[in-house]
Amino acid sequence: MTEQIVFTNEDGEDIRFYVIEQTMLAGVNYLLVTDGDGEEADAYIMKNVGEDGENGEFVCEFVEDGQELEAISKVFAELLDDVSIEVQE
């Protein structure tokens, strides 16, 4: 069973993601997530940027820096040798 997480965007909307894989690089926890299923589903890379002191939930954001995105996508591609990852900015 795939782990699910709920991400709340700036507008307060909850978006459900399915965690495909996670890894740690240079002390930062990265998640490869998707909002759907199937072979053509879009995937996103998120990183943990801290913890909400009020309720103890992790705070994540989408990786947007091109170099960071390229580097971590290669790590996920190696971890998931049966999955093709194509970076789109």
N, C-alpha and C. Protein backbone atom coordinates (compact mmCIF):
# COMPACT_ATOMS: atom_id res chain seq x y z
N MET A 1 0.84 -1.18 0.00
CA MET A 1 0.00 0.00 0.00
C MET A 1 0.89 1.24 0.00
N THR A 2 0.56 2.20 -0.83
CA THR A 2 1.34 3.41 -0.97
C THR A 2 0.92 4.42 0.09
N GLU A 3 1.92 5.02 0.73
CA GLU A 3 1.65 6.04 1.74
C GLU A 3 1.07 7.29 1.09
N GLN A 4 0.12 7.89 1.77
CA GLN A 4 -0.49 9.12 1.28
C GLN A 4 -0.12 10.26 2.23
N ILE A 5 0.06 11.44 1.66
CA ILE A 5 0.26 12.64 2.45
C ILE A 5 -0.70 13.70 1.93
N VAL A 6 -1.04 14.64 2.78
CA VAL A 6 -1.90 15.74 2.39
C VAL A 6 -1.09 17.02 2.48
N PHE A 7 -1.05 17.73 1.38
CA PHE A 7 -0.32 18.99 1.28
C PHE A 7 -1.35 20.11 1.23
N THR A 8 -1.20 21.10 2.09
CA THR A 8 -2.10 22.24 2.08
C THR A 8 -1.40 23.39 1.37
N ASN A 9 -2.01 23.88 0.29
CA ASN A 9 -1.38 24.95 -0.49
C ASN A 9 -1.64 26.31 0.15
N GLU A 10 -1.15 27.37 -0.51
CA GLU A 10 -1.26 28.73 0.03
C GLU A 10 -2.71 29.18 0.18
N ASP A 11 -3.61 28.61 -0.61
CA ASP A 11 -5.03 28.97 -0.55
C ASP A 11 -5.79 28.16 0.50
N GLY A 12 -5.09 27.31 1.23
CA GLY A 12 -5.73 26.50 2.25
C GLY A 12 -6.38 25.23 1.73
N GLU A 13 -6.18 24.94 0.44
CA GLU A 13 -6.75 23.73 -0.15
C GLU A 13 -5.87 22.53 0.15
N ASP A 14 -6.49 21.41 0.48
CA ASP A 14 -5.76 20.17 0.71
C ASP A 14 -5.64 19.40 -0.59
N ILE A 15 -4.43 18.96 -0.89
CA ILE A 15 -4.16 18.15 -2.08
C ILE A 15 -3.52 16.86 -1.60
N ARG A 16 -4.09 15.74 -2.02
CA ARG A 16 -3.59 14.42 -1.61
C ARG A 16 -2.54 13.94 -2.61
N PHE A 17 -1.42 13.49 -2.07
CA PHE A 17 -0.34 12.93 -2.88
C PHE A 17 -0.03 11.51 -2.40
N TYR A 18 0.47 10.72 -3.31
CA TYR A 18 0.92 9.37 -3.01
C TYR A 18 2.44 9.36 -3.06
N VAL A 19 3.06 8.87 -2.01
CA VAL A 19 4.52 8.85 -1.94
C VAL A 19 5.04 7.64 -2.71
N ILE A 20 5.85 7.91 -3.73
CA ILE A 20 6.45 6.85 -4.53
C ILE A 20 7.75 6.38 -3.89
N GLU A 21 8.56 7.35 -3.47
CA GLU A 21 9.87 7.05 -2.88
C GLU A 21 10.30 8.24 -2.06
N GLN A 22 11.21 8.01 -1.14
CA GLN A 22 11.81 9.11 -0.40
C GLN A 22 13.28 8.80 -0.19
N THR A 23 14.06 9.86 -0.06
CA THR A 23 15.50 9.70 0.16
C THR A 23 16.01 10.92 0.89
N MET A 24 17.20 10.79 1.45
CA MET A 24 17.82 11.91 2.13
C MET A 24 19.13 12.22 1.40
N LEU A 25 19.36 13.50 1.15
CA LEU A 25 20.56 13.94 0.46
C LEU A 25 21.04 15.21 1.16
N ALA A 26 22.28 15.19 1.61
CA ALA A 26 22.89 16.33 2.30
C ALA A 26 22.03 16.78 3.48
N GLY A 27 21.45 15.83 4.20
CA GLY A 27 20.66 16.14 5.38
C GLY A 27 19.25 16.63 5.11
N VAL A 28 18.82 16.62 3.85
CA VAL A 28 17.48 17.07 3.49
C VAL A 28 16.66 15.86 3.03
N ASN A 29 15.45 15.73 3.57
CA ASN A 29 14.56 14.63 3.19
C ASN A 29 13.76 15.04 1.96
N TYR A 30 13.84 14.25 0.89
CA TYR A 30 13.13 14.50 -0.36
C TYR A 30 12.08 13.43 -0.58
N LEU A 31 10.94 13.82 -1.14
CA LEU A 31 9.86 12.90 -1.46
C LEU A 31 9.55 12.98 -2.94
N LEU A 32 9.39 11.83 -3.56
CA LEU A 32 8.89 11.75 -4.93
C LEU A 32 7.42 11.37 -4.79
N VAL A 33 6.53 12.26 -5.21
CA VAL A 33 5.10 12.06 -5.02
C VAL A 33 4.36 12.19 -6.34
N THR A 34 3.14 11.65 -6.37
CA THR A 34 2.27 11.79 -7.52
C THR A 34 0.86 12.10 -7.04
N ASP A 35 0.09 12.78 -7.87
CA ASP A 35 -1.29 13.07 -7.50
C ASP A 35 -2.27 12.13 -8.21
N GLY A 36 -1.75 11.13 -8.89
CA GLY A 36 -2.60 10.18 -9.60
C GLY A 36 -1.92 8.84 -9.70
N ASP A 37 -2.53 7.95 -10.46
CA ASP A 37 -1.90 6.66 -10.70
C ASP A 37 -1.87 6.39 -12.19
N GLY A 38 -1.17 5.38 -12.55
CA GLY A 38 -1.04 5.05 -13.97
C GLY A 38 0.35 5.40 -14.47
N GLU A 39 0.64 4.92 -15.66
CA GLU A 39 1.97 5.06 -16.22
C GLU A 39 2.31 6.49 -16.61
N GLU A 40 1.32 7.28 -16.96
CA GLU A 40 1.56 8.65 -17.42
C GLU A 40 1.30 9.70 -16.35
N ALA A 41 1.25 9.30 -15.09
CA ALA A 41 0.95 10.23 -14.01
C ALA A 41 2.10 11.23 -13.84
N ASP A 42 1.74 12.45 -13.48
CA ASP A 42 2.75 13.45 -13.18
C ASP A 42 3.31 13.20 -11.79
N ALA A 43 4.61 13.38 -11.65
CA ALA A 43 5.26 13.21 -10.36
C ALA A 43 5.94 14.53 -9.99
N TYR A 44 6.07 14.75 -8.71
CA TYR A 44 6.66 15.97 -8.20
C TYR A 44 7.69 15.61 -7.14
N ILE A 45 8.70 16.45 -7.01
CA ILE A 45 9.69 16.26 -5.96
C ILE A 45 9.49 17.36 -4.94
N MET A 46 9.31 16.94 -3.70
CA MET A 46 9.13 17.86 -2.60
C MET A 46 10.26 17.66 -1.60
N LYS A 47 10.53 18.69 -0.81
CA LYS A 47 11.55 18.54 0.22
C LYS A 47 11.01 19.06 1.54
N ASN A 48 11.49 18.44 2.61
CA ASN A 48 11.12 18.83 3.95
C ASN A 48 11.93 20.07 4.31
N VAL A 49 11.25 21.15 4.65
CA VAL A 49 11.94 22.40 4.99
C VAL A 49 11.76 22.78 6.45
N GLY A 50 11.23 21.88 7.26
CA GLY A 50 11.07 22.16 8.68
C GLY A 50 9.87 21.47 9.27
N GLU A 51 9.49 21.95 10.44
CA GLU A 51 8.36 21.37 11.14
C GLU A 51 7.52 22.50 11.71
N ASP A 52 6.22 22.34 11.62
CA ASP A 52 5.29 23.32 12.17
C ASP A 52 5.28 23.14 13.69
N GLY A 53 5.73 24.17 14.40
CA GLY A 53 5.83 24.09 15.85
C GLY A 53 4.50 23.91 16.56
N GLU A 54 3.42 24.37 15.96
CA GLU A 54 2.10 24.31 16.60
C GLU A 54 1.54 22.89 16.66
N ASN A 55 1.63 22.17 15.56
CA ASN A 55 1.02 20.84 15.54
C ASN A 55 1.99 19.72 15.18
N GLY A 56 3.26 20.04 15.04
CA GLY A 56 4.27 19.02 14.80
C GLY A 56 4.28 18.40 13.42
N GLU A 57 3.55 18.97 12.47
CA GLU A 57 3.52 18.44 11.11
C GLU A 57 4.74 18.93 10.34
N PHE A 58 5.20 18.10 9.42
CA PHE A 58 6.31 18.48 8.57
C PHE A 58 5.87 19.54 7.57
N VAL A 59 6.77 20.45 7.27
CA VAL A 59 6.51 21.48 6.27
C VAL A 59 7.33 21.12 5.04
N CYS A 60 6.64 20.95 3.91
CA CYS A 60 7.32 20.59 2.67
C CYS A 60 7.03 21.65 1.60
N GLU A 61 7.93 21.71 0.64
CA GLU A 61 7.70 22.58 -0.51
C GLU A 61 8.19 21.87 -1.75
N PHE A 62 7.66 22.29 -2.90
CA PHE A 62 8.09 21.71 -4.16
C PHE A 62 9.49 22.20 -4.48
N VAL A 63 10.31 21.30 -5.01
CA VAL A 63 11.65 21.69 -5.45
C VAL A 63 11.50 22.42 -6.78
N GLU A 64 11.97 23.66 -6.82
CA GLU A 64 11.83 24.47 -8.02
C GLU A 64 13.16 24.86 -8.63
N ASP A 65 14.24 24.80 -7.86
CA ASP A 65 15.56 25.14 -8.37
C ASP A 65 15.99 24.09 -9.40
N GLY A 66 16.33 24.54 -10.59
CA GLY A 66 16.65 23.63 -11.69
C GLY A 66 17.78 22.67 -11.40
N GLN A 67 18.87 23.15 -10.81
CA GLN A 67 20.01 22.29 -10.52
C GLN A 67 19.67 21.27 -9.44
N GLU A 68 18.99 21.72 -8.40
CA GLU A 68 18.59 20.82 -7.32
C GLU A 68 17.61 19.77 -7.85
N LEU A 69 16.67 20.19 -8.68
CA LEU A 69 15.69 19.28 -9.25
C LEU A 69 16.37 18.22 -10.13
N GLU A 70 17.30 18.64 -10.94
CA GLU A 70 18.04 17.71 -11.81
C GLU A 70 18.82 16.70 -10.99
N ALA A 71 19.51 17.18 -9.94
CA ALA A 71 20.34 16.29 -9.12
C ALA A 71 19.50 15.26 -8.38
N ILE A 72 18.43 15.70 -7.74
CA ILE A 72 17.63 14.77 -6.96
C ILE A 72 16.82 13.83 -7.86
N SER A 73 16.45 14.29 -9.05
CA SER A 73 15.73 13.40 -9.97
C SER A 73 16.62 12.25 -10.42
N LYS A 74 17.92 12.51 -10.57
CA LYS A 74 18.85 11.43 -10.92
C LYS A 74 18.94 10.41 -9.79
N VAL A 75 18.92 10.86 -8.55
CA VAL A 75 18.95 9.95 -7.41
C VAL A 75 17.70 9.07 -7.42
N PHE A 76 16.54 9.69 -7.62
CA PHE A 76 15.30 8.90 -7.67
C PHE A 76 15.30 7.94 -8.86
N ALA A 77 15.84 8.34 -9.98
CA ALA A 77 15.90 7.46 -11.15
C ALA A 77 16.74 6.23 -10.85
N GLU A 78 17.82 6.40 -10.08
CA GLU A 78 18.65 5.25 -9.70
C GLU A 78 17.93 4.35 -8.71
N LEU A 79 17.19 4.96 -7.78
CA LEU A 79 16.45 4.16 -6.80
C LEU A 79 15.31 3.38 -7.44
N LEU A 80 14.72 3.94 -8.48
CA LEU A 80 13.57 3.33 -9.14
C LEU A 80 13.95 2.99 -10.57
N ASP A 81 14.71 1.94 -10.75
CA ASP A 81 15.25 1.61 -12.07
C ASP A 81 14.18 1.23 -13.09
N ASP A 82 12.95 0.94 -12.64
CA ASP A 82 11.89 0.58 -13.58
C ASP A 82 10.97 1.77 -13.90
N VAL A 83 11.36 2.97 -13.45
CA VAL A 83 10.56 4.17 -13.66
C VAL A 83 11.36 5.19 -14.47
N SER A 84 10.72 5.78 -15.44
CA SER A 84 11.36 6.82 -16.24
C SER A 84 10.99 8.18 -15.67
N ILE A 85 12.01 8.99 -15.36
CA ILE A 85 11.77 10.32 -14.80
C ILE A 85 12.25 11.35 -15.81
N GLU A 86 11.32 12.23 -16.20
CA GLU A 86 11.64 13.30 -17.15
C GLU A 86 11.38 14.63 -16.44
N VAL A 87 12.42 15.45 -16.32
CA VAL A 87 12.29 16.73 -15.62
C VAL A 87 11.71 17.76 -16.55
N GLN A 88 10.65 18.42 -16.08
CA GLN A 88 10.03 19.51 -16.81
C GLN A 88 9.94 20.70 -15.88
N GLU A 89 10.45 21.83 -16.32
CA GLU A 89 10.41 23.04 -15.48
C GLU A 89 9.34 23.97 -15.97
